[in-house]
Each structure stands twice: as structure tokens, then as C-alpha cells.
Amino acid sequence: MLKVYGDVYSGNCYKLRLLLSQLEIPHVWQHVDILGRETHTDAFLARNPNGKIPVLELDNGAGGREFLAESGAILHYLAAGTPLIPTDRLAHARMLQWMFFEQYSHEPYVAVARYIVRYLGRPADKEAVLQQKMAPGYRALDVMEQQLAREDFFAGGHYSLADIALYGYTHVAEEGSFELQRYPAIRAWLARVQAQPGYVGMD
């Protein structure tokens, strides 16, 4: 059986939980305490030398175990052969485009702001860092709003891994002090994601 190492309140890990629920894939979840620095232990680093969650553990078919890191790569592995990955070449590339956008232009700002507020309790010595994340975070949300004003989903005209990837941190962006009320298209999209079969919330 698949085993996932992660923290379900991390957006990157929650993406996997959502996908696993929607695809009804049996698995075991192993909680990793990131504040307790469990990702820096020798045991964890043997699974992912980069010291980050999530990590997927799976059978390599020869009696051994394999480990796969990076949320986008794990999502792609788990969803192979399902409608969540478009078969059209350009639509597939569009899906990846939005997944890369999430990791490079969205997550570094929206997720980090949430970490400072939710996990660290918004300490005074992190306020300057938090404020630095707001403008680029809003720029990412602006880009999403423009796309969702034209399309119901991000790639291929239907729900895909791109939506799961972007949903992970967007639906909890207000925990990082971002105001989603100004984004009607994003809020409508959030409701569409929540209406998908097999949806499970972060809590």
C-alpha cells in the first residue's frame, strides 16, 4: 500500500490527500511534524535528501521501496491514466504550465504568508517578510482571476491536476491575510472544486 509522509495542513501535502480521495486510492498517511523538525532527521532525509514534505513511498516491484518527492511529481504519478491529466498534447502542457505557475509564482508568496500567520502566529520579527509576500501573492491571484473569468477550470476545459495544485493554497489564502472577496471568479472556482466527486477538505 502507498504511504504518504506529510502534514495535511500543508497545502502541498493536502493536494495529495485531495487527489487520493478523489481517485479512491488506498494509502497510509504518516504525519510529519515540520515545526518539530522531523524533516531534518536522518530517517526522513534518507527518504528525501531535500528535507521537505510530501514524500510518497511505494513498492518498486522487487521487494524494495521507492520514494518520490515534490507534490507536482507525485500528483502526476498518481493521476497517470486518469481524466485528471489531459490527453491532448497542448492541454497537457497547459496543465503543467499552471502547475509550474503555482510552484514559482503562487506558492512562494501565498503559502509563505500563510505559514507566517497560521504556523508561526504572525510574530513581529516576521512582519516585514510577510508584507513582502503580499504584492506578488496578489499578482498571482490576479492572474488566476483573469483566467477563471474566461474558463471554469485551468486546463483542457475540465477539472485537472492544475486545479488541484492551485486549490491547495488558494482556498486557505485568507489564513495568510489575503482577501479573496475581491476575486469573484476565484471564489466561484473554489466552489466548483468543492463540488467535485470525492472532495475532502483540509480539516
C-alpha atoms as a PDB file:
ATOM      1  CA  MET A   1       0.000   0.000   0.000  1.00  0.00           C
ATOM      2  CA  LEU A   2       1.124   3.529  -0.728  1.00  0.00           C
ATOM      3  CA  LYS A   3       2.390   5.595   2.181  1.00  0.00           C
ATOM      4  CA  VAL A   4       2.475   9.369   2.291  1.00  0.00           C
ATOM      5  CA  TYR A   5       4.696  11.349   4.639  1.00  0.00           C
ATOM      6  CA  GLY A   6       3.287  14.794   5.244  1.00  0.00           C
ATOM      7  CA  ASP A   7       1.231  17.295   7.191  1.00  0.00           C
ATOM      8  CA  VAL A   8      -2.358  17.577   5.937  1.00  0.00           C
ATOM      9  CA  TYR A   9      -2.450  21.267   6.890  1.00  0.00           C
ATOM     10  CA  SER A  10       0.364  21.937   4.432  1.00  0.00           C
ATOM     11  CA  GLY A  11      -1.162  22.883   1.106  1.00  0.00           C
ATOM     12  CA  ASN A  12       1.428  20.854  -0.794  1.00  0.00           C
ATOM     13  CA  CYS A  13       0.503  17.766   1.218  1.00  0.00           C
ATOM     14  CA  TYR A  14      -3.223  18.466   1.150  1.00  0.00           C
ATOM     15  CA  LYS A  15      -3.123  18.362  -2.651  1.00  0.00           C
ATOM     16  CA  LEU A  16      -2.188  14.687  -2.383  1.00  0.00           C
ATOM     17  CA  ARG A  17      -4.881  13.982   0.185  1.00  0.00           C
ATOM     18  CA  LEU A  18      -7.474  15.531  -2.123  1.00  0.00           C
ATOM     19  CA  LEU A  19      -6.284  13.569  -5.149  1.00  0.00           C
ATOM     20  CA  LEU A  20      -6.061  10.289  -3.244  1.00  0.00           C
ATOM     21  CA  SER A  21      -9.629  10.768  -2.024  1.00  0.00           C
ATOM     22  CA  GLN A  22     -10.976  11.642  -5.451  1.00  0.00           C
ATOM     23  CA  LEU A  23      -9.279   8.670  -7.073  1.00  0.00           C
ATOM     24  CA  GLU A  24     -10.156   6.386  -4.128  1.00  0.00           C
ATOM     25  CA  ILE A  25      -6.564   5.186  -3.818  1.00  0.00           C
ATOM     26  CA  PRO A  26      -5.866   3.214  -0.609  1.00  0.00           C
ATOM     27  CA  HIS A  27      -2.970   4.642   1.348  1.00  0.00           C
ATOM     28  CA  VAL A  28      -1.465   5.204   4.755  1.00  0.00           C
ATOM     29  CA  TRP A  29      -0.761   8.717   5.977  1.00  0.00           C
ATOM     30  CA  GLN A  30       2.296   9.254   8.180  1.00  0.00           C
ATOM     31  CA  HIS A  31       2.183  12.634   9.916  1.00  0.00           C
ATOM     32  CA  VAL A  32       5.441  14.601   9.840  1.00  0.00           C
ATOM     33  CA  ASP A  33       5.905  17.396  12.382  1.00  0.00           C
ATOM     34  CA  ILE A  34       7.604  20.160  10.414  1.00  0.00           C
ATOM     35  CA  LEU A  35       7.770  22.548  13.376  1.00  0.00           C
ATOM     36  CA  GLY A  36       9.415  19.766  15.361  1.00  0.00           C
ATOM     37  CA  ARG A  37      11.999  19.497  12.566  1.00  0.00           C
ATOM     38  CA  GLU A  38      11.175  15.882  11.785  1.00  0.00           C
ATOM     39  CA  THR A  39      12.077  16.579   8.162  1.00  0.00           C
ATOM     40  CA  HIS A  40      15.672  17.077   9.295  1.00  0.00           C
ATOM     41  CA  THR A  41      16.102  13.669  10.913  1.00  0.00           C
ATOM     42  CA  ASP A  42      18.378  11.076   9.340  1.00  0.00           C
ATOM     43  CA  ALA A  43      15.411   8.774   8.802  1.00  0.00           C
ATOM     44  CA  PHE A  44      13.481  11.381   6.838  1.00  0.00           C
ATOM     45  CA  LEU A  45      16.485  12.599   4.874  1.00  0.00           C
ATOM     46  CA  ALA A  46      17.051   9.023   3.740  1.00  0.00           C
ATOM     47  CA  ARG A  47      13.638   9.292   2.046  1.00  0.00           C
ATOM     48  CA  ASN A  48      14.108  12.816   0.705  1.00  0.00           C
ATOM     49  CA  PRO A  49      17.557  14.417   0.977  1.00  0.00           C
ATOM     50  CA  ASN A  50      15.921  17.789   0.293  1.00  0.00           C
ATOM     51  CA  GLY A  51      14.222  17.581   3.683  1.00  0.00           C
ATOM     52  CA  LYS A  52      10.745  18.582   2.538  1.00  0.00           C
ATOM     53  CA  ILE A  53       7.250  17.130   2.545  1.00  0.00           C
ATOM     54  CA  PRO A  54       5.339  15.493   0.977  1.00  0.00           C
ATOM     55  CA  VAL A  55       7.079  12.232   0.155  1.00  0.00           C
ATOM     56  CA  LEU A  56       5.403   9.199  -1.398  1.00  0.00           C
ATOM     57  CA  GLU A  57       6.658   5.706  -0.507  1.00  0.00           C
ATOM     58  CA  LEU A  58       5.792   2.865  -2.863  1.00  0.00           C
ATOM     59  CA  ASP A  59       6.774  -0.690  -3.689  1.00  0.00           C
ATOM     60  CA  ASN A  60       9.292  -0.903  -6.531  1.00  0.00           C
ATOM     61  CA  GLY A  61       8.003  -4.332  -7.556  1.00  0.00           C
ATOM     62  CA  ALA A  62      11.178  -6.098  -6.478  1.00  0.00           C
ATOM     63  CA  GLY A  63      10.537  -6.224  -2.765  1.00  0.00           C
ATOM     64  CA  GLY A  64      12.085  -2.844  -2.103  1.00  0.00           C
ATOM     65  CA  ARG A  65      10.752   0.640  -1.574  1.00  0.00           C
ATOM     66  CA  GLU A  66      10.950   3.754  -3.724  1.00  0.00           C
ATOM     67  CA  PHE A  67      10.471   7.335  -2.606  1.00  0.00           C
ATOM     68  CA  LEU A  68       9.094  10.162  -4.709  1.00  0.00           C
ATOM     69  CA  ALA A  69       9.211  13.811  -3.605  1.00  0.00           C
ATOM     70  CA  GLU A  70       7.766  17.122  -4.886  1.00  0.00           C
ATOM     71  CA  SER A  71       3.989  17.487  -4.816  1.00  0.00           C
ATOM     72  CA  GLY A  72       3.618  18.102  -8.547  1.00  0.00           C
ATOM     73  CA  ALA A  73       5.593  15.000  -9.467  1.00  0.00           C
ATOM     74  CA  ILE A  74       3.597  12.885  -7.006  1.00  0.00           C
ATOM     75  CA  LEU A  75       0.292  14.223  -8.340  1.00  0.00           C
ATOM     76  CA  HIS A  76       1.381  13.377 -11.881  1.00  0.00           C
ATOM     77  CA  TYR A  77       2.447   9.872 -10.881  1.00  0.00           C
ATOM     78  CA  LEU A  78      -0.781   9.098  -9.018  1.00  0.00           C
ATOM     79  CA  ALA A  79      -3.091  10.509 -11.693  1.00  0.00           C
ATOM     80  CA  ALA A  80      -1.447   8.805 -14.683  1.00  0.00           C
ATOM     81  CA  GLY A  81      -4.100   7.355 -16.992  1.00  0.00           C
ATOM     82  CA  THR A  82      -6.984   9.244 -15.377  1.00  0.00           C
ATOM     83  CA  PRO A  83      -9.105  12.120 -16.761  1.00  0.00           C
ATOM     84  CA  LEU A  84      -7.232  14.471 -14.419  1.00  0.00           C
ATOM     85  CA  ILE A  85      -4.383  14.552 -16.954  1.00  0.00           C
ATOM     86  CA  PRO A  86      -5.494  15.790 -20.399  1.00  0.00           C
ATOM     87  CA  THR A  87      -4.573  13.522 -23.294  1.00  0.00           C
ATOM     88  CA  ASP A  88      -4.406  16.381 -25.798  1.00  0.00           C
ATOM     89  CA  ARG A  89      -0.772  17.457 -26.077  1.00  0.00           C
ATOM     90  CA  LEU A  90      -1.365  21.199 -25.724  1.00  0.00           C
ATOM     91  CA  ALA A  91      -3.935  20.778 -22.947  1.00  0.00           C
ATOM     92  CA  HIS A  92      -1.428  18.600 -21.084  1.00  0.00           C
ATOM     93  CA  ALA A  93       1.198  21.308 -21.475  1.00  0.00           C
ATOM     94  CA  ARG A  94      -1.297  23.927 -20.265  1.00  0.00           C
ATOM     95  CA  MET A  95      -1.916  21.829 -17.186  1.00  0.00           C
ATOM     96  CA  LEU A  96       1.820  21.713 -16.498  1.00  0.00           C
ATOM     97  CA  GLN A  97       2.091  25.442 -17.194  1.00  0.00           C
ATOM     98  CA  TRP A  98      -0.359  26.188 -14.382  1.00  0.00           C
ATOM     99  CA  MET A  99       1.286  23.680 -12.059  1.00  0.00           C
ATOM    100  CA  PHE A 100       4.650  25.374 -12.640  1.00  0.00           C
ATOM    101  CA  PHE A 101       2.978  28.757 -12.148  1.00  0.00           C
ATOM    102  CA  GLU A 102       1.694  27.540  -8.787  1.00  0.00           C
ATOM    103  CA  GLN A 103       5.131  26.489  -7.615  1.00  0.00           C
ATOM    104  CA  TYR A 104       7.057  29.503  -8.900  1.00  0.00           C
ATOM    105  CA  SER A 105       4.639  32.456  -8.846  1.00  0.00           C
ATOM    106  CA  HIS A 106       1.970  31.481  -6.294  1.00  0.00           C
ATOM    107  CA  GLU A 107       3.225  29.121  -3.577  1.00  0.00           C
ATOM    108  CA  PRO A 108       6.360  31.137  -2.632  1.00  0.00           C
ATOM    109  CA  TYR A 109       4.133  34.051  -1.641  1.00  0.00           C
ATOM    110  CA  VAL A 110       0.675  32.775  -0.699  1.00  0.00           C
ATOM    111  CA  ALA A 111       1.967  29.706   1.129  1.00  0.00           C
ATOM    112  CA  VAL A 112       4.796  31.502   2.917  1.00  0.00           C
ATOM    113  CA  ALA A 113       2.450  34.264   4.087  1.00  0.00           C
ATOM    114  CA  ARG A 114       0.089  31.608   5.450  1.00  0.00           C
ATOM    115  CA  TYR A 115       2.960  29.847   7.184  1.00  0.00           C
ATOM    116  CA  ILE A 116       3.976  33.061   8.941  1.00  0.00           C
ATOM    117  CA  VAL A 117       0.420  33.806  10.063  1.00  0.00           C
ATOM    118  CA  ARG A 118      -1.006  30.336  10.773  1.00  0.00           C
ATOM    119  CA  TYR A 119       2.014  28.325  11.838  1.00  0.00           C
ATOM    120  CA  LEU A 120       4.195  30.983  13.434  1.00  0.00           C
ATOM    121  CA  GLY A 121       1.411  33.170  14.821  1.00  0.00           C
ATOM    122  CA  ARG A 122       2.482  36.289  12.896  1.00  0.00           C
ATOM    123  CA  PRO A 123       5.454  37.243  15.075  1.00  0.00           C
ATOM    124  CA  ALA A 124       6.641  40.844  14.968  1.00  0.00           C
ATOM    125  CA  ASP A 125      10.059  39.868  13.654  1.00  0.00           C
ATOM    126  CA  LYS A 126       8.431  38.268  10.568  1.00  0.00           C
ATOM    127  CA  GLU A 127       6.098  41.151   9.731  1.00  0.00           C
ATOM    128  CA  ALA A 128       8.448  42.679   7.162  1.00  0.00           C
ATOM    129  CA  VAL A 129       8.802  39.323   5.405  1.00  0.00           C
ATOM    130  CA  LEU A 130       5.017  38.897   5.454  1.00  0.00           C
ATOM    131  CA  GLN A 131       4.463  42.287   3.862  1.00  0.00           C
ATOM    132  CA  GLN A 132       6.999  41.466   1.141  1.00  0.00           C
ATOM    133  CA  LYS A 133       4.895  38.439   0.182  1.00  0.00           C
ATOM    134  CA  MET A 134       1.621  40.312  -0.217  1.00  0.00           C
ATOM    135  CA  ALA A 135       2.115  42.189  -3.512  1.00  0.00           C
ATOM    136  CA  PRO A 136       3.482  39.212  -5.515  1.00  0.00           C
ATOM    137  CA  GLY A 137       0.851  36.978  -3.905  1.00  0.00           C
ATOM    138  CA  TYR A 138      -1.888  39.304  -5.089  1.00  0.00           C
ATOM    139  CA  ARG A 139      -0.306  39.392  -8.547  1.00  0.00           C
ATOM    140  CA  ALA A 140      -0.618  35.610  -8.717  1.00  0.00           C
ATOM    141  CA  LEU A 141      -4.256  35.802  -7.635  1.00  0.00           C
ATOM    142  CA  ASP A 142      -4.860  38.491 -10.261  1.00  0.00           C
ATOM    143  CA  VAL A 143      -3.523  36.162 -12.961  1.00  0.00           C
ATOM    144  CA  MET A 144      -5.778  33.365 -11.731  1.00  0.00           C
ATOM    145  CA  GLU A 145      -8.791  35.680 -11.665  1.00  0.00           C
ATOM    146  CA  GLN A 146      -8.205  36.669 -15.302  1.00  0.00           C
ATOM    147  CA  GLN A 147      -8.052  33.028 -16.397  1.00  0.00           C
ATOM    148  CA  LEU A 148     -11.086  31.969 -14.376  1.00  0.00           C
ATOM    149  CA  ALA A 149     -13.137  34.851 -15.710  1.00  0.00           C
ATOM    150  CA  ARG A 150     -12.775  33.131 -19.112  1.00  0.00           C
ATOM    151  CA  GLU A 151     -12.747  29.437 -18.204  1.00  0.00           C
ATOM    152  CA  ASP A 152     -14.312  27.279 -15.489  1.00  0.00           C
ATOM    153  CA  PHE A 153     -11.059  25.364 -14.951  1.00  0.00           C
ATOM    154  CA  PHE A 154      -7.395  25.920 -15.731  1.00  0.00           C
ATOM    155  CA  ALA A 155      -6.579  23.390 -18.469  1.00  0.00           C
ATOM    156  CA  GLY A 156      -8.326  21.384 -21.149  1.00  0.00           C
ATOM    157  CA  GLY A 157     -11.768  22.768 -20.344  1.00  0.00           C
ATOM    158  CA  HIS A 158     -12.263  20.495 -17.350  1.00  0.00           C
ATOM    159  CA  TYR A 159     -11.061  19.741 -13.836  1.00  0.00           C
ATOM    160  CA  SER A 160      -7.437  18.588 -13.826  1.00  0.00           C
ATOM    161  CA  LEU A 161      -4.288  18.399 -11.743  1.00  0.00           C
ATOM    162  CA  ALA A 162      -3.801  22.110 -12.405  1.00  0.00           C
ATOM    163  CA  ASP A 163      -6.921  22.847 -10.378  1.00  0.00           C
ATOM    164  CA  ILE A 164      -5.841  20.565  -7.536  1.00  0.00           C
ATOM    165  CA  ALA A 165      -2.391  22.159  -7.468  1.00  0.00           C
ATOM    166  CA  LEU A 166      -3.750  25.701  -7.338  1.00  0.00           C
ATOM    167  CA  TYR A 167      -6.597  24.892  -4.982  1.00  0.00           C
ATOM    168  CA  GLY A 168      -4.235  23.641  -2.274  1.00  0.00           C
ATOM    169  CA  TYR A 169      -3.070  27.042  -1.067  1.00  0.00           C
ATOM    170  CA  THR A 170      -5.630  29.317  -2.721  1.00  0.00           C
ATOM    171  CA  HIS A 171      -8.564  28.039  -0.683  1.00  0.00           C
ATOM    172  CA  VAL A 172      -6.718  28.904   2.537  1.00  0.00           C
ATOM    173  CA  ALA A 173      -5.111  32.118   1.274  1.00  0.00           C
ATOM    174  CA  GLU A 174      -7.129  34.155   3.758  1.00  0.00           C
ATOM    175  CA  GLU A 175      -5.166  32.405   6.519  1.00  0.00           C
ATOM    176  CA  GLY A 176      -2.209  34.332   5.123  1.00  0.00           C
ATOM    177  CA  SER A 177      -4.134  37.635   5.222  1.00  0.00           C
ATOM    178  CA  PHE A 178      -5.053  37.674   1.527  1.00  0.00           C
ATOM    179  CA  GLU A 179      -8.551  38.998   0.791  1.00  0.00           C
ATOM    180  CA  LEU A 180     -10.413  36.654  -1.560  1.00  0.00           C
ATOM    181  CA  GLN A 181     -13.586  38.755  -1.520  1.00  0.00           C
ATOM    182  CA  ARG A 182     -12.098  40.858  -4.314  1.00  0.00           C
ATOM    183  CA  TYR A 183     -11.921  37.788  -6.588  1.00  0.00           C
ATOM    184  CA  PRO A 184     -15.405  36.596  -7.645  1.00  0.00           C
ATOM    185  CA  ALA A 185     -14.106  34.259 -10.367  1.00  0.00           C
ATOM    186  CA  ILE A 186     -11.702  32.569  -7.955  1.00  0.00           C
ATOM    187  CA  ARG A 187     -14.425  32.140  -5.350  1.00  0.00           C
ATOM    188  CA  ALA A 188     -16.760  30.590  -7.937  1.00  0.00           C
ATOM    189  CA  TRP A 189     -13.946  28.239  -8.987  1.00  0.00           C
ATOM    190  CA  LEU A 190     -13.322  27.242  -5.364  1.00  0.00           C
ATOM    191  CA  ALA A 191     -16.972  26.203  -5.158  1.00  0.00           C
ATOM    192  CA  ARG A 192     -16.648  24.173  -8.368  1.00  0.00           C
ATOM    193  CA  VAL A 193     -13.640  22.320  -6.965  1.00  0.00           C
ATOM    194  CA  GLN A 194     -15.503  21.613  -3.741  1.00  0.00           C
ATOM    195  CA  ALA A 195     -18.370  20.144  -5.787  1.00  0.00           C
ATOM    196  CA  GLN A 196     -16.120  17.547  -7.441  1.00  0.00           C
ATOM    197  CA  PRO A 197     -16.784  13.877  -6.567  1.00  0.00           C
ATOM    198  CA  GLY A 198     -14.615  12.617  -3.740  1.00  0.00           C
ATOM    199  CA  TYR A 199     -13.785  16.094  -2.463  1.00  0.00           C
ATOM    200  CA  VAL A 200     -12.348  16.184   1.040  1.00  0.00           C
ATOM    201  CA  GLY A 201     -11.483  19.313   2.971  1.00  0.00           C
ATOM    202  CA  MET A 202      -8.248  20.118   4.721  1.00  0.00           C
ATOM    203  CA  ASP A 203      -9.765  19.682   8.202  1.00  0.00           C
END
